[in-house]
């Protein structure tokens, strides 16, 4: 099932994508796509619906119908750094002996096709296509063997990053990762039953029509079950939390010489089976 949120910013309603690619309104069934709605029993209830009986929403999604972030009220947007060995190499860093963990502030979260702002004073804003894992059943100290039972679904994430803020400005990575608009999520949350192997997904990103990233989740250093188990040692994972699992090579920082985003450019990115995003880059 493909769950989504549609409508103007701050006024999104819950919806689902039907077999014809049209949006059906779920607001008579659930209040939003997030929190307890993502628990296994609630998802099973949604999957049992006959979407053809639900109200049809006018417009074509991602054309004349805006989609918001596919998860509402996200409590934590947890990110993993250097999780593809070839990306670590292009960044001039070693593959870490344990996952690198950082946060994006929830104020960074926007819809999949909303504009991305270059922060004031930025000179090194960069792109990163990533697989997002959405937590359904929360927990602590989750065994790796049980981890996949805690996944509600998956989505596309663009982990937009300001490299100078991240690396050169006397702080943790979070400083360059959580700027407003730096966390596009969506277009939809694809439930876990439709993604039999999250480690076999192609992901890619273009800037102004030029292919910059083209990789596969098969080359992750730390895979999804391990990441869920690992993170649950340090924090409670809760329904609606999103884990952004790292990016393959091809980011701007890795070009020789480095190339960074400029106002007026367009990013187009996607993951097989999970949809695409398109963001116009503007100046804050």
C-alpha atoms as a PDB file:
ATOM      1  CA  UNK A   1       0.000   0.000   0.000  1.00  0.00           C
ATOM      2  CA  UNK A   2       1.184   3.525  -0.776  1.00  0.00           C
ATOM      3  CA  UNK A   3       0.178   5.989   1.919  1.00  0.00           C
ATOM      4  CA  UNK A   4       0.554   9.726   1.423  1.00  0.00           C
ATOM      5  CA  UNK A   5      -0.489  13.161   2.604  1.00  0.00           C
ATOM      6  CA  UNK A   6      -1.957  15.730   0.235  1.00  0.00           C
ATOM      7  CA  UNK A   7      -2.872  19.380   0.336  1.00  0.00           C
ATOM      8  CA  UNK A   8      -1.324  22.756   1.199  1.00  0.00           C
ATOM      9  CA  UNK A   9       1.564  22.928   3.696  1.00  0.00           C
ATOM     10  CA  UNK A  10       0.272  22.524   7.226  1.00  0.00           C
ATOM     11  CA  UNK A  11      -3.167  21.439   6.014  1.00  0.00           C
ATOM     12  CA  UNK A  12      -2.362  18.002   4.602  1.00  0.00           C
ATOM     13  CA  UNK A  13      -4.916  15.215   4.694  1.00  0.00           C
ATOM     14  CA  UNK A  14      -4.213  11.465   4.742  1.00  0.00           C
ATOM     15  CA  UNK A  15      -4.563   9.538   1.516  1.00  0.00           C
ATOM     16  CA  UNK A  16      -3.599   6.437  -0.409  1.00  0.00           C
ATOM     17  CA  UNK A  17      -2.591   5.843  -4.001  1.00  0.00           C
ATOM     18  CA  UNK A  18      -4.965   3.533  -5.850  1.00  0.00           C
ATOM     19  CA  UNK A  19      -4.076   1.068  -8.623  1.00  0.00           C
ATOM     20  CA  UNK A  20      -4.675   3.750 -11.261  1.00  0.00           C
ATOM     21  CA  UNK A  21      -2.263   6.208  -9.637  1.00  0.00           C
ATOM     22  CA  UNK A  22      -5.054   8.404  -8.244  1.00  0.00           C
ATOM     23  CA  UNK A  23      -5.307   9.690  -4.690  1.00  0.00           C
ATOM     24  CA  UNK A  24      -8.074   8.414  -2.426  1.00  0.00           C
ATOM     25  CA  UNK A  25      -9.006  10.395   0.678  1.00  0.00           C
ATOM     26  CA  UNK A  26      -8.442   8.515   3.947  1.00  0.00           C
ATOM     27  CA  UNK A  27      -9.527  11.352   6.253  1.00  0.00           C
ATOM     28  CA  UNK A  28     -12.791   9.554   7.017  1.00  0.00           C
ATOM     29  CA  UNK A  29     -10.797   6.563   8.258  1.00  0.00           C
ATOM     30  CA  UNK A  30      -7.717   7.993  10.015  1.00  0.00           C
ATOM     31  CA  UNK A  31      -6.735  11.457  11.166  1.00  0.00           C
ATOM     32  CA  UNK A  32      -3.292  11.398   9.515  1.00  0.00           C
ATOM     33  CA  UNK A  33      -0.433   9.127   8.417  1.00  0.00           C
ATOM     34  CA  UNK A  34       1.750   8.946  11.508  1.00  0.00           C
ATOM     35  CA  UNK A  35       2.028   7.816  15.098  1.00  0.00           C
ATOM     36  CA  UNK A  36      -0.289   4.981  16.117  1.00  0.00           C
ATOM     37  CA  UNK A  37      -1.750   4.769  12.601  1.00  0.00           C
ATOM     38  CA  UNK A  38       1.543   3.088  11.639  1.00  0.00           C
ATOM     39  CA  UNK A  39       1.216   0.274  14.194  1.00  0.00           C
ATOM     40  CA  UNK A  40       0.804  -3.171  12.593  1.00  0.00           C
ATOM     41  CA  UNK A  41      -2.873  -3.620  13.492  1.00  0.00           C
ATOM     42  CA  UNK A  42      -3.776  -0.197  12.139  1.00  0.00           C
ATOM     43  CA  UNK A  43      -1.871  -0.770   8.911  1.00  0.00           C
ATOM     44  CA  UNK A  44      -3.640  -4.105   8.465  1.00  0.00           C
ATOM     45  CA  UNK A  45      -6.948  -2.272   8.820  1.00  0.00           C
ATOM     46  CA  UNK A  46      -5.953   0.193   6.089  1.00  0.00           C
ATOM     47  CA  UNK A  47      -4.735  -2.566   3.774  1.00  0.00           C
ATOM     48  CA  UNK A  48      -8.124  -4.271   4.073  1.00  0.00           C
ATOM     49  CA  UNK A  49      -9.957  -1.226   2.709  1.00  0.00           C
ATOM     50  CA  UNK A  50     -11.450  -1.219  -0.759  1.00  0.00           C
ATOM     51  CA  UNK A  51      -9.860   1.988  -2.019  1.00  0.00           C
ATOM     52  CA  UNK A  52     -12.411   2.248  -4.820  1.00  0.00           C
ATOM     53  CA  UNK A  53     -15.082   3.029  -2.208  1.00  0.00           C
ATOM     54  CA  UNK A  54     -13.177   6.028  -0.816  1.00  0.00           C
ATOM     55  CA  UNK A  55     -13.536   9.608  -2.091  1.00  0.00           C
ATOM     56  CA  UNK A  56     -11.436  10.390  -5.149  1.00  0.00           C
ATOM     57  CA  UNK A  57      -9.219  13.457  -4.763  1.00  0.00           C
ATOM     58  CA  UNK A  58      -9.133  15.806  -7.730  1.00  0.00           C
ATOM     59  CA  UNK A  59      -5.799  16.310  -9.454  1.00  0.00           C
ATOM     60  CA  UNK A  60      -2.738  14.299 -10.377  1.00  0.00           C
ATOM     61  CA  UNK A  61      -0.271  13.723  -7.525  1.00  0.00           C
ATOM     62  CA  UNK A  62       3.016  15.610  -7.934  1.00  0.00           C
ATOM     63  CA  UNK A  63       1.577  17.610 -10.832  1.00  0.00           C
ATOM     64  CA  UNK A  64      -1.426  19.716  -9.900  1.00  0.00           C
ATOM     65  CA  UNK A  65      -1.910  18.026  -6.505  1.00  0.00           C
ATOM     66  CA  UNK A  66       0.752  18.816  -3.917  1.00  0.00           C
ATOM     67  CA  UNK A  67       1.967  16.020  -1.674  1.00  0.00           C
ATOM     68  CA  UNK A  68       3.271  16.757   1.794  1.00  0.00           C
ATOM     69  CA  UNK A  69       5.811  14.733   3.776  1.00  0.00           C
ATOM     70  CA  UNK A  70       4.557  11.148   3.756  1.00  0.00           C
ATOM     71  CA  UNK A  71       4.799  10.840   7.562  1.00  0.00           C
ATOM     72  CA  UNK A  72       3.046  13.259   9.912  1.00  0.00           C
ATOM     73  CA  UNK A  73       4.309  14.392  13.306  1.00  0.00           C
ATOM     74  CA  UNK A  74       7.655  12.645  12.898  1.00  0.00           C
ATOM     75  CA  UNK A  75       9.252  12.459  16.327  1.00  0.00           C
ATOM     76  CA  UNK A  76      12.789  11.715  15.176  1.00  0.00           C
ATOM     77  CA  UNK A  77      14.535  11.863  11.811  1.00  0.00           C
ATOM     78  CA  UNK A  78      17.632   9.797  12.526  1.00  0.00           C
ATOM     79  CA  UNK A  79      20.382   9.660   9.914  1.00  0.00           C
ATOM     80  CA  UNK A  80      23.293   7.320   9.268  1.00  0.00           C
ATOM     81  CA  UNK A  81      26.539   8.694   7.856  1.00  0.00           C
ATOM     82  CA  UNK A  82      29.156   7.014   5.659  1.00  0.00           C
ATOM     83  CA  UNK A  83      27.046   3.878   5.229  1.00  0.00           C
ATOM     84  CA  UNK A  84      28.249   3.141   1.685  1.00  0.00           C
ATOM     85  CA  UNK A  85      31.954   2.343   1.465  1.00  0.00           C
ATOM     86  CA  UNK A  86      32.356   4.047  -1.914  1.00  0.00           C
ATOM     87  CA  UNK A  87      30.741   7.228  -0.567  1.00  0.00           C
ATOM     88  CA  UNK A  88      33.097   7.171   2.432  1.00  0.00           C
ATOM     89  CA  UNK A  89      36.006   6.920  -0.004  1.00  0.00           C
ATOM     90  CA  UNK A  90      34.876   9.895  -2.067  1.00  0.00           C
ATOM     91  CA  UNK A  91      34.492  11.909   1.142  1.00  0.00           C
ATOM     92  CA  UNK A  92      38.061  10.986   2.103  1.00  0.00           C
ATOM     93  CA  UNK A  93      36.893   9.148   5.225  1.00  0.00           C
ATOM     94  CA  UNK A  94      37.238   5.613   6.536  1.00  0.00           C
ATOM     95  CA  UNK A  95      34.298   3.241   6.805  1.00  0.00           C
ATOM     96  CA  UNK A  96      33.382   3.607  10.490  1.00  0.00           C
ATOM     97  CA  UNK A  97      33.655   0.603  12.841  1.00  0.00           C
ATOM     98  CA  UNK A  98      30.139   1.445  14.069  1.00  0.00           C
ATOM     99  CA  UNK A  99      27.376   3.452  12.368  1.00  0.00           C
ATOM    100  CA  UNK A 100      27.758   7.229  12.409  1.00  0.00           C
ATOM    101  CA  UNK A 101      24.506   8.627  13.817  1.00  0.00           C
ATOM    102  CA  UNK A 102      23.227  12.194  13.526  1.00  0.00           C
ATOM    103  CA  UNK A 103      19.883  13.986  13.494  1.00  0.00           C
ATOM    104  CA  UNK A 104      17.897  16.215  11.232  1.00  0.00           C
ATOM    105  CA  UNK A 105      15.600  18.533  13.139  1.00  0.00           C
ATOM    106  CA  UNK A 106      11.960  17.892  12.334  1.00  0.00           C
ATOM    107  CA  UNK A 107      11.672  21.506  11.114  1.00  0.00           C
ATOM    108  CA  UNK A 108      13.752  20.364   8.112  1.00  0.00           C
ATOM    109  CA  UNK A 109      10.989  18.045   6.892  1.00  0.00           C
ATOM    110  CA  UNK A 110       9.119  19.129   3.748  1.00  0.00           C
ATOM    111  CA  UNK A 111       7.157  17.520   0.947  1.00  0.00           C
ATOM    112  CA  UNK A 112       8.842  15.577  -1.855  1.00  0.00           C
ATOM    113  CA  UNK A 113       8.501  18.362  -4.415  1.00  0.00           C
ATOM    114  CA  UNK A 114       8.748  21.434  -2.202  1.00  0.00           C
ATOM    115  CA  UNK A 115      11.548  23.902  -2.843  1.00  0.00           C
ATOM    116  CA  UNK A 116      14.899  23.365  -1.113  1.00  0.00           C
ATOM    117  CA  UNK A 117      16.427  26.527   0.306  1.00  0.00           C
ATOM    118  CA  UNK A 118      20.136  27.295   0.244  1.00  0.00           C
ATOM    119  CA  UNK A 119      20.737  28.756   3.713  1.00  0.00           C
ATOM    120  CA  UNK A 120      22.010  32.293   4.041  1.00  0.00           C
ATOM    121  CA  UNK A 121      25.800  32.256   4.013  1.00  0.00           C
ATOM    122  CA  UNK A 122      25.971  28.784   2.491  1.00  0.00           C
ATOM    123  CA  UNK A 123      28.651  27.975  -0.054  1.00  0.00           C
ATOM    124  CA  UNK A 124      28.514  24.161   0.013  1.00  0.00           C
ATOM    125  CA  UNK A 125      24.906  22.895  -0.105  1.00  0.00           C
ATOM    126  CA  UNK A 126      24.902  19.293  -1.347  1.00  0.00           C
ATOM    127  CA  UNK A 127      22.508  16.470  -2.254  1.00  0.00           C
ATOM    128  CA  UNK A 128      22.125  12.878  -0.966  1.00  0.00           C
ATOM    129  CA  UNK A 129      19.453  10.398  -2.082  1.00  0.00           C
ATOM    130  CA  UNK A 130      18.695   7.900   0.685  1.00  0.00           C
ATOM    131  CA  UNK A 131      16.367   5.071   1.655  1.00  0.00           C
ATOM    132  CA  UNK A 132      14.116   6.059   4.541  1.00  0.00           C
ATOM    133  CA  UNK A 133      12.851   3.401   6.963  1.00  0.00           C
ATOM    134  CA  UNK A 134       9.633   4.302   8.786  1.00  0.00           C
ATOM    135  CA  UNK A 135       9.125   2.725  12.198  1.00  0.00           C
ATOM    136  CA  UNK A 136       5.754   1.125  12.935  1.00  0.00           C
ATOM    137  CA  UNK A 137       5.982  -0.803  16.184  1.00  0.00           C
ATOM    138  CA  UNK A 138       8.369   1.005  18.506  1.00  0.00           C
ATOM    139  CA  UNK A 139      10.734  -0.530  20.995  1.00  0.00           C
ATOM    140  CA  UNK A 140      14.056  -0.563  22.837  1.00  0.00           C
ATOM    141  CA  UNK A 141      16.860  -3.124  22.699  1.00  0.00           C
ATOM    142  CA  UNK A 142      15.369  -4.699  19.587  1.00  0.00           C
ATOM    143  CA  UNK A 143      17.073  -7.914  18.495  1.00  0.00           C
ATOM    144  CA  UNK A 144      18.411  -7.810  14.945  1.00  0.00           C
ATOM    145  CA  UNK A 145      16.429 -10.968  14.152  1.00  0.00           C
ATOM    146  CA  UNK A 146      13.208  -9.179  15.151  1.00  0.00           C
ATOM    147  CA  UNK A 147      13.987  -5.790  13.627  1.00  0.00           C
ATOM    148  CA  UNK A 148      11.987  -6.056  10.406  1.00  0.00           C
ATOM    149  CA  UNK A 149       8.775  -6.586  12.386  1.00  0.00           C
ATOM    150  CA  UNK A 150       9.207  -2.978  13.543  1.00  0.00           C
ATOM    151  CA  UNK A 151       9.163  -1.505  10.014  1.00  0.00           C
ATOM    152  CA  UNK A 152       5.945   0.139   8.806  1.00  0.00           C
ATOM    153  CA  UNK A 153       7.383   0.937   5.406  1.00  0.00           C
ATOM    154  CA  UNK A 154       9.908   2.826   3.313  1.00  0.00           C
ATOM    155  CA  UNK A 155      10.236   6.159   1.548  1.00  0.00           C
ATOM    156  CA  UNK A 156      12.615   8.334  -0.441  1.00  0.00           C
ATOM    157  CA  UNK A 157      14.665  10.891   1.527  1.00  0.00           C
ATOM    158  CA  UNK A 158      16.889  13.666   0.190  1.00  0.00           C
ATOM    159  CA  UNK A 159      19.443  14.238   2.950  1.00  0.00           C
ATOM    160  CA  UNK A 160      20.326  17.761   1.832  1.00  0.00           C
ATOM    161  CA  UNK A 161      23.544  18.853   3.540  1.00  0.00           C
ATOM    162  CA  UNK A 162      25.583  22.022   3.940  1.00  0.00           C
ATOM    163  CA  UNK A 163      29.161  20.732   3.989  1.00  0.00           C
ATOM    164  CA  UNK A 164      30.855  23.808   5.428  1.00  0.00           C
ATOM    165  CA  UNK A 165      28.355  23.949   8.292  1.00  0.00           C
ATOM    166  CA  UNK A 166      28.675  20.175   8.752  1.00  0.00           C
ATOM    167  CA  UNK A 167      32.450  19.791   8.698  1.00  0.00           C
ATOM    168  CA  UNK A 168      34.181  23.151   9.101  1.00  0.00           C
ATOM    169  CA  UNK A 169      32.100  25.107  11.603  1.00  0.00           C
ATOM    170  CA  UNK A 170      33.136  23.688  14.985  1.00  0.00           C
ATOM    171  CA  UNK A 171      30.215  21.436  15.711  1.00  0.00           C
ATOM    172  CA  UNK A 172      28.583  18.089  15.173  1.00  0.00           C
ATOM    173  CA  UNK A 173      27.287  17.065  11.761  1.00  0.00           C
ATOM    174  CA  UNK A 174      23.792  18.169  12.829  1.00  0.00           C
ATOM    175  CA  UNK A 175      24.689  21.820  12.225  1.00  0.00           C
ATOM    176  CA  UNK A 176      24.896  21.233   8.484  1.00  0.00           C
ATOM    177  CA  UNK A 177      22.126  18.658   8.217  1.00  0.00           C
ATOM    178  CA  UNK A 178      19.045  20.153   9.834  1.00  0.00           C
ATOM    179  CA  UNK A 179      18.503  23.458   8.040  1.00  0.00           C
ATOM    180  CA  UNK A 180      14.941  24.242   7.014  1.00  0.00           C
ATOM    181  CA  UNK A 181      13.838  22.258   3.902  1.00  0.00           C
ATOM    182  CA  UNK A 182      16.800  19.848   4.207  1.00  0.00           C
ATOM    183  CA  UNK A 183      14.551  16.788   4.731  1.00  0.00           C
ATOM    184  CA  UNK A 184      12.161  16.097   1.834  1.00  0.00           C
ATOM    185  CA  UNK A 185      10.181  12.889   2.563  1.00  0.00           C
ATOM    186  CA  UNK A 186       8.018  10.959   0.113  1.00  0.00           C
ATOM    187  CA  UNK A 187       6.193  11.001  -2.219  1.00  0.00           C
ATOM    188  CA  UNK A 188       4.580   8.120  -0.346  1.00  0.00           C
ATOM    189  CA  UNK A 189       5.199   5.632   2.408  1.00  0.00           C
ATOM    190  CA  UNK A 190       5.299   2.192   0.762  1.00  0.00           C
ATOM    191  CA  UNK A 191       4.293  -0.430   3.307  1.00  0.00           C
ATOM    192  CA  UNK A 192       6.841  -3.104   4.122  1.00  0.00           C
ATOM    193  CA  UNK A 193       4.859  -5.917   2.482  1.00  0.00           C
ATOM    194  CA  UNK A 194       5.464  -4.267  -0.908  1.00  0.00           C
ATOM    195  CA  UNK A 195       9.243  -4.127  -0.392  1.00  0.00           C
ATOM    196  CA  UNK A 196      10.378  -7.733   0.052  1.00  0.00           C
ATOM    197  CA  UNK A 197      14.084  -6.835   0.127  1.00  0.00           C
ATOM    198  CA  UNK A 198      15.103  -3.289   1.107  1.00  0.00           C
ATOM    199  CA  UNK A 199      18.707  -4.229   0.314  1.00  0.00           C
ATOM    200  CA  UNK A 200      17.984  -4.643  -3.409  1.00  0.00           C
ATOM    201  CA  UNK A 201      16.770  -1.183  -4.394  1.00  0.00           C
ATOM    202  CA  UNK A 202      18.335   1.088  -7.001  1.00  0.00           C
ATOM    203  CA  UNK A 203      18.552   4.737  -5.998  1.00  0.00           C
ATOM    204  CA  UNK A 204      19.604   7.696  -8.120  1.00  0.00           C
ATOM    205  CA  UNK A 205      19.741  11.485  -8.241  1.00  0.00           C
ATOM    206  CA  UNK A 206      20.047  13.999 -11.092  1.00  0.00           C
ATOM    207  CA  UNK A 207      20.940  17.692 -10.936  1.00  0.00           C
ATOM    208  CA  UNK A 208      19.627  19.660 -13.924  1.00  0.00           C
ATOM    209  CA  UNK A 209      19.195  16.407 -15.842  1.00  0.00           C
ATOM    210  CA  UNK A 210      22.733  15.171 -15.193  1.00  0.00           C
ATOM    211  CA  UNK A 211      23.002  11.839 -13.386  1.00  0.00           C
ATOM    212  CA  UNK A 212      25.091  12.374 -10.251  1.00  0.00           C
ATOM    213  CA  UNK A 213      24.207   9.382  -8.072  1.00  0.00           C
ATOM    214  CA  UNK A 214      23.343   5.889  -9.267  1.00  0.00           C
ATOM    215  CA  UNK A 215      23.687   3.166  -6.668  1.00  0.00           C
ATOM    216  CA  UNK A 216      22.036   0.272  -4.873  1.00  0.00           C
ATOM    217  CA  UNK A 217      21.063  -0.357  -1.280  1.00  0.00           C
ATOM    218  CA  UNK A 218      22.833  -3.706  -1.724  1.00  0.00           C
ATOM    219  CA  UNK A 219      26.127  -1.917  -1.054  1.00  0.00           C
ATOM    220  CA  UNK A 220      25.186  -0.552   2.376  1.00  0.00           C
ATOM    221  CA  UNK A 221      27.819  -1.285   5.008  1.00  0.00           C
ATOM    222  CA  UNK A 222      25.250  -1.602   7.799  1.00  0.00           C
ATOM    223  CA  UNK A 223      21.929  -2.971   6.591  1.00  0.00           C
ATOM    224  CA  UNK A 224      18.416  -2.140   7.748  1.00  0.00           C
ATOM    225  CA  UNK A 225      17.919  -4.852  10.445  1.00  0.00           C
ATOM    226  CA  UNK A 226      21.260  -4.059  12.051  1.00  0.00           C
ATOM    227  CA  UNK A 227      20.596  -0.309  12.004  1.00  0.00           C
ATOM    228  CA  UNK A 228      17.233  -0.692  13.744  1.00  0.00           C
ATOM    229  CA  UNK A 229      18.738  -2.939  16.405  1.00  0.00           C
ATOM    230  CA  UNK A 230      21.779  -0.688  16.845  1.00  0.00           C
ATOM    231  CA  UNK A 231      19.805   2.534  17.195  1.00  0.00           C
ATOM    232  CA  UNK A 232      17.411   0.953  19.694  1.00  0.00           C
ATOM    233  CA  UNK A 233      20.335   0.514  22.080  1.00  0.00           C
ATOM    234  CA  UNK A 234      20.668   4.281  22.411  1.00  0.00           C
ATOM    235  CA  UNK A 235      17.066   5.510  22.193  1.00  0.00           C
ATOM    236  CA  UNK A 236      13.494   4.313  22.107  1.00  0.00           C
ATOM    237  CA  UNK A 237      12.294   3.977  18.544  1.00  0.00           C
ATOM    238  CA  UNK A 238       8.709   5.172  18.252  1.00  0.00           C
ATOM    239  CA  UNK A 239       5.929   4.888  15.707  1.00  0.00           C
ATOM    240  CA  UNK A 240       6.527   7.393  12.934  1.00  0.00           C
ATOM    241  CA  UNK A 241      10.261   7.800  13.490  1.00  0.00           C
ATOM    242  CA  UNK A 242      12.227   7.803  10.238  1.00  0.00           C
ATOM    243  CA  UNK A 243      15.723   6.383   9.760  1.00  0.00           C
ATOM    244  CA  UNK A 244      17.619   7.753   6.756  1.00  0.00           C
ATOM    245  CA  UNK A 245      20.128   5.039   5.951  1.00  0.00           C
ATOM    246  CA  UNK A 246      22.975   6.758   4.092  1.00  0.00           C
ATOM    247  CA  UNK A 247      23.823   7.656   0.518  1.00  0.00           C
ATOM    248  CA  UNK A 248      25.764   6.080  -2.363  1.00  0.00           C
ATOM    249  CA  UNK A 249      28.618   7.934  -4.108  1.00  0.00           C
ATOM    250  CA  UNK A 250      28.143  10.866  -6.423  1.00  0.00           C
ATOM    251  CA  UNK A 251      27.478  13.702  -3.997  1.00  0.00           C
ATOM    252  CA  UNK A 252      28.751  17.158  -4.894  1.00  0.00           C
ATOM    253  CA  UNK A 253      31.483  17.052  -2.267  1.00  0.00           C
ATOM    254  CA  UNK A 254      32.922  13.977  -3.994  1.00  0.00           C
ATOM    255  CA  UNK A 255      33.331  15.607  -7.411  1.00  0.00           C
ATOM    256  CA  UNK A 256      36.803  16.760  -8.400  1.00  0.00           C
ATOM    257  CA  UNK A 257      36.669  19.685  -8.072  1.00  0.00           C
ATOM    258  CA  UNK A 258      33.641  19.706  -5.724  1.00  0.00           C
ATOM    259  CA  UNK A 259      30.330  20.964  -7.140  1.00  0.00           C
ATOM    260  CA  UNK A 260      27.558  22.402  -4.988  1.00  0.00           C
ATOM    261  CA  UNK A 261      23.985  23.491  -5.521  1.00  0.00           C
ATOM    262  CA  UNK A 262      23.040  26.923  -6.812  1.00  0.00           C
ATOM    263  CA  UNK A 263      19.710  28.725  -6.754  1.00  0.00           C
ATOM    264  CA  UNK A 264      17.737  27.940  -9.893  1.00  0.00           C
ATOM    265  CA  UNK A 265      18.882  24.334 -10.190  1.00  0.00           C
ATOM    266  CA  UNK A 266      16.573  21.302 -10.014  1.00  0.00           C
ATOM    267  CA  UNK A 267      17.141  17.998  -8.222  1.00  0.00           C
ATOM    268  CA  UNK A 268      15.267  14.914  -9.411  1.00  0.00           C
ATOM    269  CA  UNK A 269      15.739  11.697  -7.447  1.00  0.00           C
ATOM    270  CA  UNK A 270      14.119   8.384  -6.738  1.00  0.00           C
ATOM    271  CA  UNK A 271      14.261   4.807  -5.539  1.00  0.00           C
ATOM    272  CA  UNK A 272      12.858   1.905  -7.527  1.00  0.00           C
ATOM    273  CA  UNK A 273       9.343   1.110  -6.316  1.00  0.00           C
ATOM    274  CA  UNK A 274       9.252   4.015  -3.863  1.00  0.00           C
ATOM    275  CA  UNK A 275       8.630   6.940  -6.218  1.00  0.00           C
ATOM    276  CA  UNK A 276      10.474  10.117  -7.153  1.00  0.00           C
ATOM    277  CA  UNK A 277      11.039  13.631  -5.851  1.00  0.00           C
ATOM    278  CA  UNK A 278      11.701  16.899  -7.703  1.00  0.00           C
ATOM    279  CA  UNK A 279      12.975  19.984  -5.903  1.00  0.00           C
ATOM    280  CA  UNK A 280      13.716  23.443  -7.206  1.00  0.00           C
ATOM    281  CA  UNK A 281      16.645  25.044  -5.404  1.00  0.00           C
ATOM    282  CA  UNK A 282      16.040  28.595  -4.146  1.00  0.00           C
ATOM    283  CA  UNK A 283      17.937  31.063  -1.981  1.00  0.00           C
ATOM    284  CA  UNK A 284      16.709  31.500   1.584  1.00  0.00           C
END
